[in-house]
Amino acid sequence: MRIVVAGAGAAGTSVAYHLALLGTRDVVLCDRGRVAGESTARAMGGVRQQFSTAAEVRLAQESTRFFEELGRPYFDQVGYLFLATTPHGRETLEARQRLQRELGVPAELVDPSYVRGLRTDDVLAAVLCRKDGVADPAAVAREFVRRSVEMGVQVLEQTPVEQVRGDVYVIASGPWSAGVAAGFGVELPIRPLCRQLLATADLRLPPELPMVVEAETGFHFRRLDRRLVLAMSDPEPRWGFAQEVDDSVFGDRLARLAHRFPPAAGTRIESAWAGLYDMTPDAHPILGRVADGLFAACGFSGHGFMQSPAVGRALAEEILTGSSSIDLSPYRLERFADGAAAPGEELVL
């Protein structure tokens, strides 16, 4: 049985790796571009377990264990710090923390002033998971590929899936997944959403700086070497495949940064780039069998990289055995026939 994985981003490379790890030797990983050449290369690189549903927490826990095994330089376990500045935000954040604790995530209520330079006088609650952190998405995808090739996986760059013969196909093409699926006669409710990241000039940054997230606004930033990378939803969603930087928001983002992290006041945006989320109607992925001989690992809505290790393992198990050690039932394509809920808070990251 020849298994063809369409898409060499984080999700597709993980699926190929786990198929090989489980003993499959006839696996082809193909991409119309390059390995980690699109959305994965443009991702923020956050890795967190702090989700609001049990199903996503379990995917995140499994993935985090893999990232921990990789360690540096692929993964830096600096933590994720969520800040709430309103009574409603505090209530929501604390409720999420209780759920996470029940599921085994070591998320704790903390005094956020431990982060040097962080403004905290307007913070009503802060939750930190020290096991979370930040990673290099492109490097992780390339490591999946390196390991896969060692086990016999064939990698075909600049090769559309339509040109590759297979018995089983896996669609892991990110925002292009709907178009790929259409070629197999399957409709996937996925559309691209443009998101952008902004990088500051060099700064003096405390080594303990975690990923910092304002729970209500979704504004968040992380350290990348000596710079900070900032992100936040655009005022109006930008649907479509265009990946243009909108510099009209630079002033607003710098003002938010100066407010939350005063040592960065006066910096400038030195570089910026845009990428695409593969959005579904409920902002959760489509995972598993979608037709005879056809599987999906797409629609991650911004969480594909951080969930990729667990998703790769789960898809490989289901393809080869018909079942998975991770419950994929919340992510079946069939849920949209019953009218899945609209995106909620998890869209912000």
C-alpha atoms as a PDB file:
ATOM      1  CA  MET A   1       0.000   0.000   0.000  1.00  0.00           C
ATOM      2  CA  ARG A   2       1.474   3.318  -1.097  1.00  0.00           C
ATOM      3  CA  ILE A   3       0.472   6.275   1.090  1.00  0.00           C
ATOM      4  CA  VAL A   4       0.855   9.773  -0.332  1.00  0.00           C
ATOM      5  CA  VAL A   5       0.860  12.785   1.992  1.00  0.00           C
ATOM      6  CA  ALA A   6      -0.005  16.048   0.238  1.00  0.00           C
ATOM      7  CA  GLY A   7       1.660  18.946   2.014  1.00  0.00           C
ATOM      8  CA  ALA A   8       5.116  19.231   3.582  1.00  0.00           C
ATOM      9  CA  GLY A   9       4.312  21.640   6.376  1.00  0.00           C
ATOM     10  CA  ALA A  10       4.287  20.675  10.049  1.00  0.00           C
ATOM     11  CA  ALA A  11       1.172  18.492   9.845  1.00  0.00           C
ATOM     12  CA  GLY A  12       2.115  16.617   6.680  1.00  0.00           C
ATOM     13  CA  THR A  13       5.715  15.996   7.692  1.00  0.00           C
ATOM     14  CA  SER A  14       4.513  14.684  11.059  1.00  0.00           C
ATOM     15  CA  VAL A  15       2.052  12.290   9.411  1.00  0.00           C
ATOM     16  CA  ALA A  16       4.763  10.964   7.093  1.00  0.00           C
ATOM     17  CA  TYR A  17       7.195  10.545   9.989  1.00  0.00           C
ATOM     18  CA  HIS A  18       4.719   8.669  12.162  1.00  0.00           C
ATOM     19  CA  LEU A  19       3.666   6.404   9.292  1.00  0.00           C
ATOM     20  CA  ALA A  20       7.305   5.441   8.852  1.00  0.00           C
ATOM     21  CA  LEU A  21       7.786   5.105  12.596  1.00  0.00           C
ATOM     22  CA  LEU A  22       4.951   2.573  12.658  1.00  0.00           C
ATOM     23  CA  GLY A  23       6.687   0.508  10.017  1.00  0.00           C
ATOM     24  CA  THR A  24       5.211   1.716   6.737  1.00  0.00           C
ATOM     25  CA  ARG A  25       7.865   1.796   4.064  1.00  0.00           C
ATOM     26  CA  ASP A  26       5.995   2.986   0.968  1.00  0.00           C
ATOM     27  CA  VAL A  27       5.277   6.597   1.949  1.00  0.00           C
ATOM     28  CA  VAL A  28       5.571   9.611  -0.338  1.00  0.00           C
ATOM     29  CA  LEU A  29       5.574  13.168   1.027  1.00  0.00           C
ATOM     30  CA  CYS A  30       4.903  15.688  -1.730  1.00  0.00           C
ATOM     31  CA  ASP A  31       4.453  19.441  -1.899  1.00  0.00           C
ATOM     32  CA  ARG A  32       3.786  21.841  -4.743  1.00  0.00           C
ATOM     33  CA  GLY A  33       6.499  24.034  -3.196  1.00  0.00           C
ATOM     34  CA  ARG A  34       9.238  23.303  -0.682  1.00  0.00           C
ATOM     35  CA  VAL A  35       9.364  21.600   2.714  1.00  0.00           C
ATOM     36  CA  ALA A  36       8.055  24.092   5.305  1.00  0.00           C
ATOM     37  CA  GLY A  37       7.859  26.679   2.558  1.00  0.00           C
ATOM     38  CA  GLU A  38       4.494  28.287   3.292  1.00  0.00           C
ATOM     39  CA  SER A  39       2.348  28.642   6.437  1.00  0.00           C
ATOM     40  CA  THR A  40       4.669  26.631   8.690  1.00  0.00           C
ATOM     41  CA  ALA A  41       7.606  28.922   7.912  1.00  0.00           C
ATOM     42  CA  ARG A  42       5.467  31.981   8.726  1.00  0.00           C
ATOM     43  CA  ALA A  43       4.012  30.705  12.009  1.00  0.00           C
ATOM     44  CA  MET A  44       4.431  32.284  15.443  1.00  0.00           C
ATOM     45  CA  GLY A  45       5.782  29.037  16.861  1.00  0.00           C
ATOM     46  CA  GLY A  46       3.833  28.932  20.112  1.00  0.00           C
ATOM     47  CA  VAL A  47       3.389  25.581  21.839  1.00  0.00           C
ATOM     48  CA  ARG A  48       0.745  25.542  24.573  1.00  0.00           C
ATOM     49  CA  GLN A  49      -1.533  23.224  26.496  1.00  0.00           C
ATOM     50  CA  GLN A  50      -3.830  26.006  27.716  1.00  0.00           C
ATOM     51  CA  PHE A  51      -6.950  25.343  25.663  1.00  0.00           C
ATOM     52  CA  SER A  52     -10.583  25.572  26.678  1.00  0.00           C
ATOM     53  CA  THR A  53     -11.792  22.123  25.532  1.00  0.00           C
ATOM     54  CA  ALA A  54     -10.714  18.731  26.816  1.00  0.00           C
ATOM     55  CA  ALA A  55     -10.176  17.394  23.290  1.00  0.00           C
ATOM     56  CA  GLU A  56      -7.714  20.143  22.355  1.00  0.00           C
ATOM     57  CA  VAL A  57      -5.941  19.924  25.711  1.00  0.00           C
ATOM     58  CA  ARG A  58      -5.286  16.231  25.083  1.00  0.00           C
ATOM     59  CA  LEU A  59      -3.883  16.908  21.616  1.00  0.00           C
ATOM     60  CA  ALA A  60      -1.670  19.601  23.123  1.00  0.00           C
ATOM     61  CA  GLN A  61      -0.430  17.375  25.942  1.00  0.00           C
ATOM     62  CA  GLU A  62       0.622  14.661  23.525  1.00  0.00           C
ATOM     63  CA  SER A  63       2.334  17.184  21.265  1.00  0.00           C
ATOM     64  CA  THR A  64       4.132  18.914  24.126  1.00  0.00           C
ATOM     65  CA  ARG A  65       5.711  15.639  25.179  1.00  0.00           C
ATOM     66  CA  PHE A  66       7.207  15.342  21.714  1.00  0.00           C
ATOM     67  CA  PHE A  67       8.489  18.932  21.764  1.00  0.00           C
ATOM     68  CA  GLU A  68      10.051  18.319  25.172  1.00  0.00           C
ATOM     69  CA  GLU A  69      11.933  15.343  23.760  1.00  0.00           C
ATOM     70  CA  LEU A  70      13.213  17.510  20.899  1.00  0.00           C
ATOM     71  CA  GLY A  71      14.403  20.204  23.303  1.00  0.00           C
ATOM     72  CA  ARG A  72      16.637  23.035  22.211  1.00  0.00           C
ATOM     73  CA  PRO A  73      17.248  24.488  19.676  1.00  0.00           C
ATOM     74  CA  TYR A  74      13.869  23.320  18.380  1.00  0.00           C
ATOM     75  CA  PHE A  75      11.829  24.092  21.516  1.00  0.00           C
ATOM     76  CA  ASP A  76      12.411  26.608  24.312  1.00  0.00           C
ATOM     77  CA  GLN A  77      10.206  25.884  27.332  1.00  0.00           C
ATOM     78  CA  VAL A  78       9.796  29.503  28.477  1.00  0.00           C
ATOM     79  CA  GLY A  79       6.102  29.160  29.326  1.00  0.00           C
ATOM     80  CA  TYR A  80       2.867  30.819  28.222  1.00  0.00           C
ATOM     81  CA  LEU A  81       1.489  33.642  30.367  1.00  0.00           C
ATOM     82  CA  PHE A  82      -2.158  34.667  29.919  1.00  0.00           C
ATOM     83  CA  LEU A  83      -3.228  38.008  31.391  1.00  0.00           C
ATOM     84  CA  ALA A  84      -6.815  39.082  32.140  1.00  0.00           C
ATOM     85  CA  THR A  85      -7.608  42.757  32.710  1.00  0.00           C
ATOM     86  CA  THR A  86     -11.418  42.672  33.092  1.00  0.00           C
ATOM     87  CA  PRO A  87     -13.738  40.866  35.517  1.00  0.00           C
ATOM     88  CA  HIS A  88     -15.187  38.762  32.691  1.00  0.00           C
ATOM     89  CA  GLY A  89     -11.727  37.964  31.401  1.00  0.00           C
ATOM     90  CA  ARG A  90     -10.622  36.904  34.856  1.00  0.00           C
ATOM     91  CA  GLU A  91     -13.643  34.640  35.279  1.00  0.00           C
ATOM     92  CA  THR A  92     -13.048  32.991  31.897  1.00  0.00           C
ATOM     93  CA  LEU A  93      -9.318  32.582  32.456  1.00  0.00           C
ATOM     94  CA  GLU A  94      -9.760  31.058  35.909  1.00  0.00           C
ATOM     95  CA  ALA A  95     -12.433  28.652  34.634  1.00  0.00           C
ATOM     96  CA  ARG A  96     -10.106  27.508  31.874  1.00  0.00           C
ATOM     97  CA  GLN A  97      -7.302  27.043  34.376  1.00  0.00           C
ATOM     98  CA  ARG A  98      -9.487  24.822  36.547  1.00  0.00           C
ATOM     99  CA  LEU A  99     -10.355  22.627  33.533  1.00  0.00           C
ATOM    100  CA  GLN A 100      -6.711  22.429  32.534  1.00  0.00           C
ATOM    101  CA  ARG A 101      -5.664  21.403  36.034  1.00  0.00           C
ATOM    102  CA  GLU A 102      -8.317  18.675  36.074  1.00  0.00           C
ATOM    103  CA  LEU A 103      -6.830  17.336  32.849  1.00  0.00           C
ATOM    104  CA  GLY A 104      -3.291  17.339  34.204  1.00  0.00           C
ATOM    105  CA  VAL A 105      -1.949  20.566  32.713  1.00  0.00           C
ATOM    106  CA  PRO A 106       0.299  22.342  35.265  1.00  0.00           C
ATOM    107  CA  ALA A 107      -1.304  25.745  34.685  1.00  0.00           C
ATOM    108  CA  GLU A 108      -1.065  27.955  37.764  1.00  0.00           C
ATOM    109  CA  LEU A 109      -2.376  31.297  38.936  1.00  0.00           C
ATOM    110  CA  VAL A 110       0.668  33.528  39.362  1.00  0.00           C
ATOM    111  CA  ASP A 111       1.814  37.025  40.180  1.00  0.00           C
ATOM    112  CA  PRO A 112       2.920  38.163  36.697  1.00  0.00           C
ATOM    113  CA  SER A 113       5.344  40.736  38.087  1.00  0.00           C
ATOM    114  CA  TYR A 114       7.961  37.994  38.125  1.00  0.00           C
ATOM    115  CA  VAL A 115       8.573  38.944  34.477  1.00  0.00           C
ATOM    116  CA  ARG A 116      10.964  41.865  34.596  1.00  0.00           C
ATOM    117  CA  GLY A 117       9.636  44.930  32.813  1.00  0.00           C
ATOM    118  CA  LEU A 118       6.086  43.620  32.333  1.00  0.00           C
ATOM    119  CA  ARG A 119       3.322  46.057  33.274  1.00  0.00           C
ATOM    120  CA  THR A 120       0.932  44.317  35.652  1.00  0.00           C
ATOM    121  CA  ASP A 121      -0.913  47.039  37.576  1.00  0.00           C
ATOM    122  CA  ASP A 122      -4.013  46.563  35.392  1.00  0.00           C
ATOM    123  CA  VAL A 123      -3.922  42.750  35.505  1.00  0.00           C
ATOM    124  CA  LEU A 124      -6.720  41.075  37.502  1.00  0.00           C
ATOM    125  CA  ALA A 125      -5.562  37.483  36.945  1.00  0.00           C
ATOM    126  CA  ALA A 126      -2.630  35.721  35.331  1.00  0.00           C
ATOM    127  CA  VAL A 127      -2.210  32.052  34.440  1.00  0.00           C
ATOM    128  CA  LEU A 128       1.139  30.507  33.572  1.00  0.00           C
ATOM    129  CA  CYS A 129       2.038  27.054  32.296  1.00  0.00           C
ATOM    130  CA  ARG A 130       5.786  26.675  32.567  1.00  0.00           C
ATOM    131  CA  LYS A 131       5.746  23.549  30.385  1.00  0.00           C
ATOM    132  CA  ASP A 132       4.546  25.564  27.382  1.00  0.00           C
ATOM    133  CA  GLY A 133       6.902  27.556  25.227  1.00  0.00           C
ATOM    134  CA  VAL A 134       8.041  28.606  21.786  1.00  0.00           C
ATOM    135  CA  ALA A 135       9.588  26.670  18.923  1.00  0.00           C
ATOM    136  CA  ASP A 136      11.027  26.995  15.423  1.00  0.00           C
ATOM    137  CA  PRO A 137       8.260  25.625  13.154  1.00  0.00           C
ATOM    138  CA  ALA A 138      10.328  25.290   9.995  1.00  0.00           C
ATOM    139  CA  ALA A 139      13.189  23.579  11.838  1.00  0.00           C
ATOM    140  CA  VAL A 140      10.797  21.103  13.458  1.00  0.00           C
ATOM    141  CA  ALA A 141       9.214  20.257  10.084  1.00  0.00           C
ATOM    142  CA  ARG A 142      12.650  19.722   8.565  1.00  0.00           C
ATOM    143  CA  GLU A 143      13.558  17.446  11.480  1.00  0.00           C
ATOM    144  CA  PHE A 144      10.423  15.383  10.795  1.00  0.00           C
ATOM    145  CA  VAL A 145      11.603  15.102   7.194  1.00  0.00           C
ATOM    146  CA  ARG A 146      15.168  14.177   8.138  1.00  0.00           C
ATOM    147  CA  ARG A 147      13.944  11.350  10.347  1.00  0.00           C
ATOM    148  CA  SER A 148      11.417  10.250   7.717  1.00  0.00           C
ATOM    149  CA  VAL A 149      13.991  10.037   4.958  1.00  0.00           C
ATOM    150  CA  GLU A 150      16.210   7.908   7.193  1.00  0.00           C
ATOM    151  CA  MET A 151      13.307   5.449   7.422  1.00  0.00           C
ATOM    152  CA  GLY A 152      12.705   5.369   3.669  1.00  0.00           C
ATOM    153  CA  VAL A 153      10.077   8.064   3.068  1.00  0.00           C
ATOM    154  CA  GLN A 154      10.329   9.586  -0.410  1.00  0.00           C
ATOM    155  CA  VAL A 155      10.130  13.397  -0.472  1.00  0.00           C
ATOM    156  CA  LEU A 156       9.024  15.149  -3.664  1.00  0.00           C
ATOM    157  CA  GLU A 157       9.236  18.943  -3.638  1.00  0.00           C
ATOM    158  CA  GLN A 158       7.634  21.100  -6.333  1.00  0.00           C
ATOM    159  CA  THR A 159       5.368  18.159  -7.123  1.00  0.00           C
ATOM    160  CA  PRO A 160       1.559  18.509  -6.972  1.00  0.00           C
ATOM    161  CA  VAL A 161      -0.235  15.527  -5.473  1.00  0.00           C
ATOM    162  CA  GLU A 162      -2.103  14.998  -8.745  1.00  0.00           C
ATOM    163  CA  GLN A 163       1.169  13.801 -10.247  1.00  0.00           C
ATOM    164  CA  VAL A 164       1.800  11.138  -7.610  1.00  0.00           C
ATOM    165  CA  ARG A 165       0.314   7.652  -7.759  1.00  0.00           C
ATOM    166  CA  GLY A 166      -0.984   6.269  -4.482  1.00  0.00           C
ATOM    167  CA  ASP A 167      -3.435   3.896  -2.856  1.00  0.00           C
ATOM    168  CA  VAL A 168      -4.192   6.138   0.109  1.00  0.00           C
ATOM    169  CA  TYR A 169      -3.909   9.925   0.245  1.00  0.00           C
ATOM    170  CA  VAL A 170      -3.627  12.333   3.170  1.00  0.00           C
ATOM    171  CA  ILE A 171      -4.565  15.970   2.615  1.00  0.00           C
ATOM    172  CA  ALA A 172      -2.338  18.161   4.794  1.00  0.00           C
ATOM    173  CA  SER A 173      -2.150  21.187   2.536  1.00  0.00           C
ATOM    174  CA  GLY A 174      -3.123  23.908   5.002  1.00  0.00           C
ATOM    175  CA  PRO A 175      -5.138  26.725   3.406  1.00  0.00           C
ATOM    176  CA  TRP A 176      -4.941  24.971   0.028  1.00  0.00           C
ATOM    177  CA  SER A 177      -6.596  21.816   1.371  1.00  0.00           C
ATOM    178  CA  ALA A 178     -10.071  22.592   0.037  1.00  0.00           C
ATOM    179  CA  GLY A 179      -8.709  22.853  -3.492  1.00  0.00           C
ATOM    180  CA  VAL A 180      -6.752  19.622  -3.144  1.00  0.00           C
ATOM    181  CA  ALA A 181      -9.799  17.817  -1.746  1.00  0.00           C
ATOM    182  CA  ALA A 182     -11.965  19.060  -4.602  1.00  0.00           C
ATOM    183  CA  GLY A 183      -9.680  17.183  -6.974  1.00  0.00           C
ATOM    184  CA  PHE A 184     -10.747  14.000  -5.149  1.00  0.00           C
ATOM    185  CA  GLY A 185     -14.422  14.972  -5.303  1.00  0.00           C
ATOM    186  CA  VAL A 186     -14.606  15.922  -1.608  1.00  0.00           C
ATOM    187  CA  GLU A 187     -15.756  19.269  -0.211  1.00  0.00           C
ATOM    188  CA  LEU A 188     -13.860  20.560   2.842  1.00  0.00           C
ATOM    189  CA  PRO A 189     -15.205  23.705   4.542  1.00  0.00           C
ATOM    190  CA  ILE A 190     -11.805  25.405   4.729  1.00  0.00           C
ATOM    191  CA  ARG A 191     -10.905  28.910   3.638  1.00  0.00           C
ATOM    192  CA  PRO A 192      -7.729  30.966   4.022  1.00  0.00           C
ATOM    193  CA  LEU A 193      -7.410  33.821   6.493  1.00  0.00           C
ATOM    194  CA  CYS A 194      -4.432  36.165   6.302  1.00  0.00           C
ATOM    195  CA  ARG A 195      -2.593  36.875   9.570  1.00  0.00           C
ATOM    196  CA  GLN A 196       0.568  38.911  10.015  1.00  0.00           C
ATOM    197  CA  LEU A 197       3.489  38.985  12.441  1.00  0.00           C
ATOM    198  CA  LEU A 198       5.620  42.011  13.255  1.00  0.00           C
ATOM    199  CA  ALA A 199       9.203  41.909  14.530  1.00  0.00           C
ATOM    200  CA  THR A 200      10.790  44.753  16.474  1.00  0.00           C
ATOM    201  CA  ALA A 201      14.337  46.025  16.372  1.00  0.00           C
ATOM    202  CA  ASP A 202      16.855  44.493  18.799  1.00  0.00           C
ATOM    203  CA  LEU A 203      15.993  44.960  22.481  1.00  0.00           C
ATOM    204  CA  ARG A 204      17.363  44.065  25.889  1.00  0.00           C
ATOM    205  CA  LEU A 205      15.075  41.233  26.936  1.00  0.00           C
ATOM    206  CA  PRO A 206      14.877  39.256  30.180  1.00  0.00           C
ATOM    207  CA  PRO A 207      15.834  35.595  29.662  1.00  0.00           C
ATOM    208  CA  GLU A 208      12.704  34.411  31.491  1.00  0.00           C
ATOM    209  CA  LEU A 209      10.311  36.224  29.113  1.00  0.00           C
ATOM    210  CA  PRO A 210       7.441  33.826  28.274  1.00  0.00           C
ATOM    211  CA  MET A 211       4.932  34.074  25.483  1.00  0.00           C
ATOM    212  CA  VAL A 212       2.694  36.857  26.827  1.00  0.00           C
ATOM    213  CA  VAL A 213      -0.973  36.879  25.821  1.00  0.00           C
ATOM    214  CA  GLU A 214      -3.650  39.443  26.679  1.00  0.00           C
ATOM    215  CA  ALA A 215      -6.676  37.208  27.051  1.00  0.00           C
ATOM    216  CA  GLU A 216      -9.306  39.772  26.091  1.00  0.00           C
ATOM    217  CA  THR A 217      -7.632  41.372  23.077  1.00  0.00           C
ATOM    218  CA  GLY A 218      -5.563  38.465  21.784  1.00  0.00           C
ATOM    219  CA  PHE A 219      -2.487  40.708  21.525  1.00  0.00           C
ATOM    220  CA  HIS A 220       0.557  38.546  22.178  1.00  0.00           C
ATOM    221  CA  PHE A 221       4.308  38.609  21.834  1.00  0.00           C
ATOM    222  CA  ARG A 222       7.319  36.336  22.190  1.00  0.00           C
ATOM    223  CA  ARG A 223      11.060  36.660  22.198  1.00  0.00           C
ATOM    224  CA  LEU A 224      12.904  35.629  19.033  1.00  0.00           C
ATOM    225  CA  ASP A 225      16.615  36.020  19.707  1.00  0.00           C
ATOM    226  CA  ARG A 226      17.006  39.723  20.594  1.00  0.00           C
ATOM    227  CA  ARG A 227      13.716  40.851  19.084  1.00  0.00           C
ATOM    228  CA  LEU A 228      10.058  40.600  19.967  1.00  0.00           C
ATOM    229  CA  VAL A 229       7.507  39.207  17.530  1.00  0.00           C
ATOM    230  CA  LEU A 230       4.009  40.668  17.909  1.00  0.00           C
ATOM    231  CA  ALA A 231       0.675  39.384  16.654  1.00  0.00           C
ATOM    232  CA  MET A 232      -3.018  40.177  16.939  1.00  0.00           C
ATOM    233  CA  SER A 233      -6.157  39.724  14.866  1.00  0.00           C
ATOM    234  CA  ASP A 234      -6.735  42.387  12.231  1.00  0.00           C
ATOM    235  CA  PRO A 235      -9.630  44.813  12.820  1.00  0.00           C
ATOM    236  CA  GLU A 236     -11.425  43.193   9.875  1.00  0.00           C
ATOM    237  CA  PRO A 237     -10.705  39.575   8.862  1.00  0.00           C
ATOM    238  CA  ARG A 238      -8.766  39.329   5.596  1.00  0.00           C
ATOM    239  CA  TRP A 239     -10.123  36.270   3.815  1.00  0.00           C
ATOM    240  CA  GLY A 240      -8.325  34.972   0.754  1.00  0.00           C
ATOM    241  CA  PHE A 241      -4.895  33.894  -0.424  1.00  0.00           C
ATOM    242  CA  ALA A 242      -3.285  37.356  -0.535  1.00  0.00           C
ATOM    243  CA  GLN A 243      -0.398  37.558   1.931  1.00  0.00           C
ATOM    244  CA  GLU A 244       0.280  41.272   2.147  1.00  0.00           C
ATOM    245  CA  VAL A 245       1.520  43.171   5.191  1.00  0.00           C
ATOM    246  CA  ASP A 246      -0.766  45.962   6.368  1.00  0.00           C
ATOM    247  CA  ASP A 247       1.504  48.585   7.901  1.00  0.00           C
ATOM    248  CA  SER A 248      -1.443  50.716   8.997  1.00  0.00           C
ATOM    249  CA  VAL A 249      -1.644  48.671  12.217  1.00  0.00           C
ATOM    250  CA  PHE A 250       2.013  49.128  13.187  1.00  0.00           C
ATOM    251  CA  GLY A 251       1.327  52.144  15.375  1.00  0.00           C
ATOM    252  CA  ASP A 252      -1.434  50.407  17.283  1.00  0.00           C
ATOM    253  CA  ARG A 253       0.671  47.293  17.884  1.00  0.00           C
ATOM    254  CA  LEU A 254       3.660  49.317  19.078  1.00  0.00           C
ATOM    255  CA  ALA A 255       1.413  51.264  21.451  1.00  0.00           C
ATOM    256  CA  ARG A 256       0.034  48.023  22.879  1.00  0.00           C
ATOM    257  CA  LEU A 257       3.549  46.701  23.302  1.00  0.00           C
ATOM    258  CA  ALA A 258       4.743  49.882  25.040  1.00  0.00           C
ATOM    259  CA  HIS A 259       1.799  49.632  27.423  1.00  0.00           C
ATOM    260  CA  ARG A 260       2.303  45.975  28.320  1.00  0.00           C
ATOM    261  CA  PHE A 261       6.105  45.909  28.171  1.00  0.00           C
ATOM    262  CA  PRO A 262       7.432  49.456  28.784  1.00  0.00           C
ATOM    263  CA  PRO A 263      11.109  48.548  28.186  1.00  0.00           C
ATOM    264  CA  ALA A 264      10.149  48.193  24.506  1.00  0.00           C
ATOM    265  CA  ALA A 265       8.704  51.710  24.251  1.00  0.00           C
ATOM    266  CA  GLY A 266      10.250  53.606  21.378  1.00  0.00           C
ATOM    267  CA  THR A 267      11.198  50.556  19.344  1.00  0.00           C
ATOM    268  CA  ARG A 268      10.202  50.190  15.707  1.00  0.00           C
ATOM    269  CA  ILE A 269       8.910  47.425  13.487  1.00  0.00           C
ATOM    270  CA  GLU A 270      11.997  46.216  11.664  1.00  0.00           C
ATOM    271  CA  SER A 271      10.371  43.448   9.630  1.00  0.00           C
ATOM    272  CA  ALA A 272       6.932  41.967   9.064  1.00  0.00           C
ATOM    273  CA  TRP A 273       5.439  39.062   7.199  1.00  0.00           C
ATOM    274  CA  ALA A 274       2.037  37.537   6.544  1.00  0.00           C
ATOM    275  CA  GLY A 275       0.834  33.962   6.374  1.00  0.00           C
ATOM    276  CA  LEU A 276      -2.395  32.020   6.101  1.00  0.00           C
ATOM    277  CA  TYR A 277      -4.582  30.181   8.588  1.00  0.00           C
ATOM    278  CA  ASP A 278      -6.670  27.305   7.223  1.00  0.00           C
ATOM    279  CA  MET A 279      -9.966  28.183   8.888  1.00  0.00           C
ATOM    280  CA  THR A 280     -12.980  25.927   9.437  1.00  0.00           C
ATOM    281  CA  PRO A 281     -16.452  27.144  10.495  1.00  0.00           C
ATOM    282  CA  ASP A 282     -15.795  26.231  14.165  1.00  0.00           C
ATOM    283  CA  ALA A 283     -12.034  26.973  14.197  1.00  0.00           C
ATOM    284  CA  HIS A 284     -11.181  23.321  14.911  1.00  0.00           C
ATOM    285  CA  PRO A 285      -9.355  20.937  12.564  1.00  0.00           C
ATOM    286  CA  ILE A 286     -10.675  18.248  10.263  1.00  0.00           C
ATOM    287  CA  LEU A 287      -8.912  14.994  11.107  1.00  0.00           C
ATOM    288  CA  GLY A 288      -9.343  11.439   9.891  1.00  0.00           C
ATOM    289  CA  ARG A 289     -11.064   9.659   7.031  1.00  0.00           C
ATOM    290  CA  VAL A 290     -13.109  11.868   4.682  1.00  0.00           C
ATOM    291  CA  ALA A 291     -13.691   9.352   1.855  1.00  0.00           C
ATOM    292  CA  ASP A 292     -12.549   5.894   0.791  1.00  0.00           C
ATOM    293  CA  GLY A 293      -8.766   5.988   0.698  1.00  0.00           C
ATOM    294  CA  LEU A 294      -8.693   9.675   1.607  1.00  0.00           C
ATOM    295  CA  PHE A 295      -7.772  11.242   4.963  1.00  0.00           C
ATOM    296  CA  ALA A 296      -7.471  14.831   6.169  1.00  0.00           C
ATOM    297  CA  ALA A 297      -5.143  16.639   8.546  1.00  0.00           C
ATOM    298  CA  CYS A 298      -6.045  20.260   7.935  1.00  0.00           C
ATOM    299  CA  GLY A 299      -8.266  23.153   8.996  1.00  0.00           C
ATOM    300  CA  PHE A 300      -6.182  23.840  12.096  1.00  0.00           C
ATOM    301  CA  SER A 301      -7.220  27.490  12.268  1.00  0.00           C
ATOM    302  CA  GLY A 302      -3.864  28.651  13.595  1.00  0.00           C
ATOM    303  CA  HIS A 303      -2.963  25.669  15.797  1.00  0.00           C
ATOM    304  CA  GLY A 304      -1.496  23.280  13.239  1.00  0.00           C
ATOM    305  CA  PHE A 305       2.138  23.547  14.225  1.00  0.00           C
ATOM    306  CA  MET A 306       1.592  23.129  17.947  1.00  0.00           C
ATOM    307  CA  GLN A 307      -0.753  20.163  17.410  1.00  0.00           C
ATOM    308  CA  SER A 308       1.265  18.509  14.640  1.00  0.00           C
ATOM    309  CA  PRO A 309       3.094  15.817  16.660  1.00  0.00           C
ATOM    310  CA  ALA A 310      -0.106  14.381  18.140  1.00  0.00           C
ATOM    311  CA  VAL A 311      -2.020  14.732  14.884  1.00  0.00           C
ATOM    312  CA  GLY A 312       0.693  12.930  12.943  1.00  0.00           C
ATOM    313  CA  ARG A 313       0.638  10.006  15.321  1.00  0.00           C
ATOM    314  CA  ALA A 314      -3.163   9.830  15.425  1.00  0.00           C
ATOM    315  CA  LEU A 315      -3.567   9.931  11.638  1.00  0.00           C
ATOM    316  CA  ALA A 316      -0.878   7.314  11.111  1.00  0.00           C
ATOM    317  CA  GLU A 317      -2.548   4.977  13.594  1.00  0.00           C
ATOM    318  CA  GLU A 318      -5.979   5.432  12.039  1.00  0.00           C
ATOM    319  CA  ILE A 319      -4.711   4.903   8.495  1.00  0.00           C
ATOM    320  CA  LEU A 320      -2.865   1.725   9.417  1.00  0.00           C
ATOM    321  CA  THR A 321      -5.173   0.168  12.038  1.00  0.00           C
ATOM    322  CA  GLY A 322      -8.541   1.840  11.643  1.00  0.00           C
ATOM    323  CA  SER A 323      -8.424   3.451  15.082  1.00  0.00           C
ATOM    324  CA  SER A 324      -6.300   5.878  17.051  1.00  0.00           C
ATOM    325  CA  SER A 325      -5.015   6.111  20.615  1.00  0.00           C
ATOM    326  CA  ILE A 326      -6.160   9.755  20.530  1.00  0.00           C
ATOM    327  CA  ASP A 327      -9.893  10.413  20.256  1.00  0.00           C
ATOM    328  CA  LEU A 328     -10.481  12.134  16.922  1.00  0.00           C
ATOM    329  CA  SER A 329     -14.287  12.091  17.104  1.00  0.00           C
ATOM    330  CA  PRO A 330     -14.569  15.860  17.826  1.00  0.00           C
ATOM    331  CA  TYR A 331     -12.710  16.587  14.594  1.00  0.00           C
ATOM    332  CA  ARG A 332     -14.629  14.509  12.042  1.00  0.00           C
ATOM    333  CA  LEU A 333     -15.787  16.169   8.835  1.00  0.00           C
ATOM    334  CA  GLU A 334     -19.313  14.893   9.483  1.00  0.00           C
ATOM    335  CA  ARG A 335     -19.840  17.375  12.330  1.00  0.00           C
ATOM    336  CA  PHE A 336     -20.454  20.175   9.847  1.00  0.00           C
ATOM    337  CA  ALA A 337     -23.478  18.376   8.444  1.00  0.00           C
ATOM    338  CA  ASP A 338     -25.069  18.949  11.851  1.00  0.00           C
ATOM    339  CA  GLY A 339     -24.033  22.616  11.977  1.00  0.00           C
ATOM    340  CA  ALA A 340     -20.864  23.023  14.032  1.00  0.00           C
ATOM    341  CA  ALA A 341     -20.581  26.088  16.241  1.00  0.00           C
ATOM    342  CA  ALA A 342     -18.994  29.320  15.029  1.00  0.00           C
ATOM    343  CA  PRO A 343     -15.424  30.199  16.026  1.00  0.00           C
ATOM    344  CA  GLY A 344     -14.958  31.450  19.562  1.00  0.00           C
ATOM    345  CA  GLU A 345     -12.104  32.705  21.687  1.00  0.00           C
ATOM    346  CA  GLU A 346      -9.542  30.264  20.327  1.00  0.00           C
ATOM    347  CA  LEU A 347      -9.506  32.163  17.016  1.00  0.00           C
ATOM    348  CA  VAL A 348      -7.368  34.912  18.569  1.00  0.00           C
ATOM    349  CA  LEU A 349      -4.157  32.847  18.534  1.00  0.00           C
END
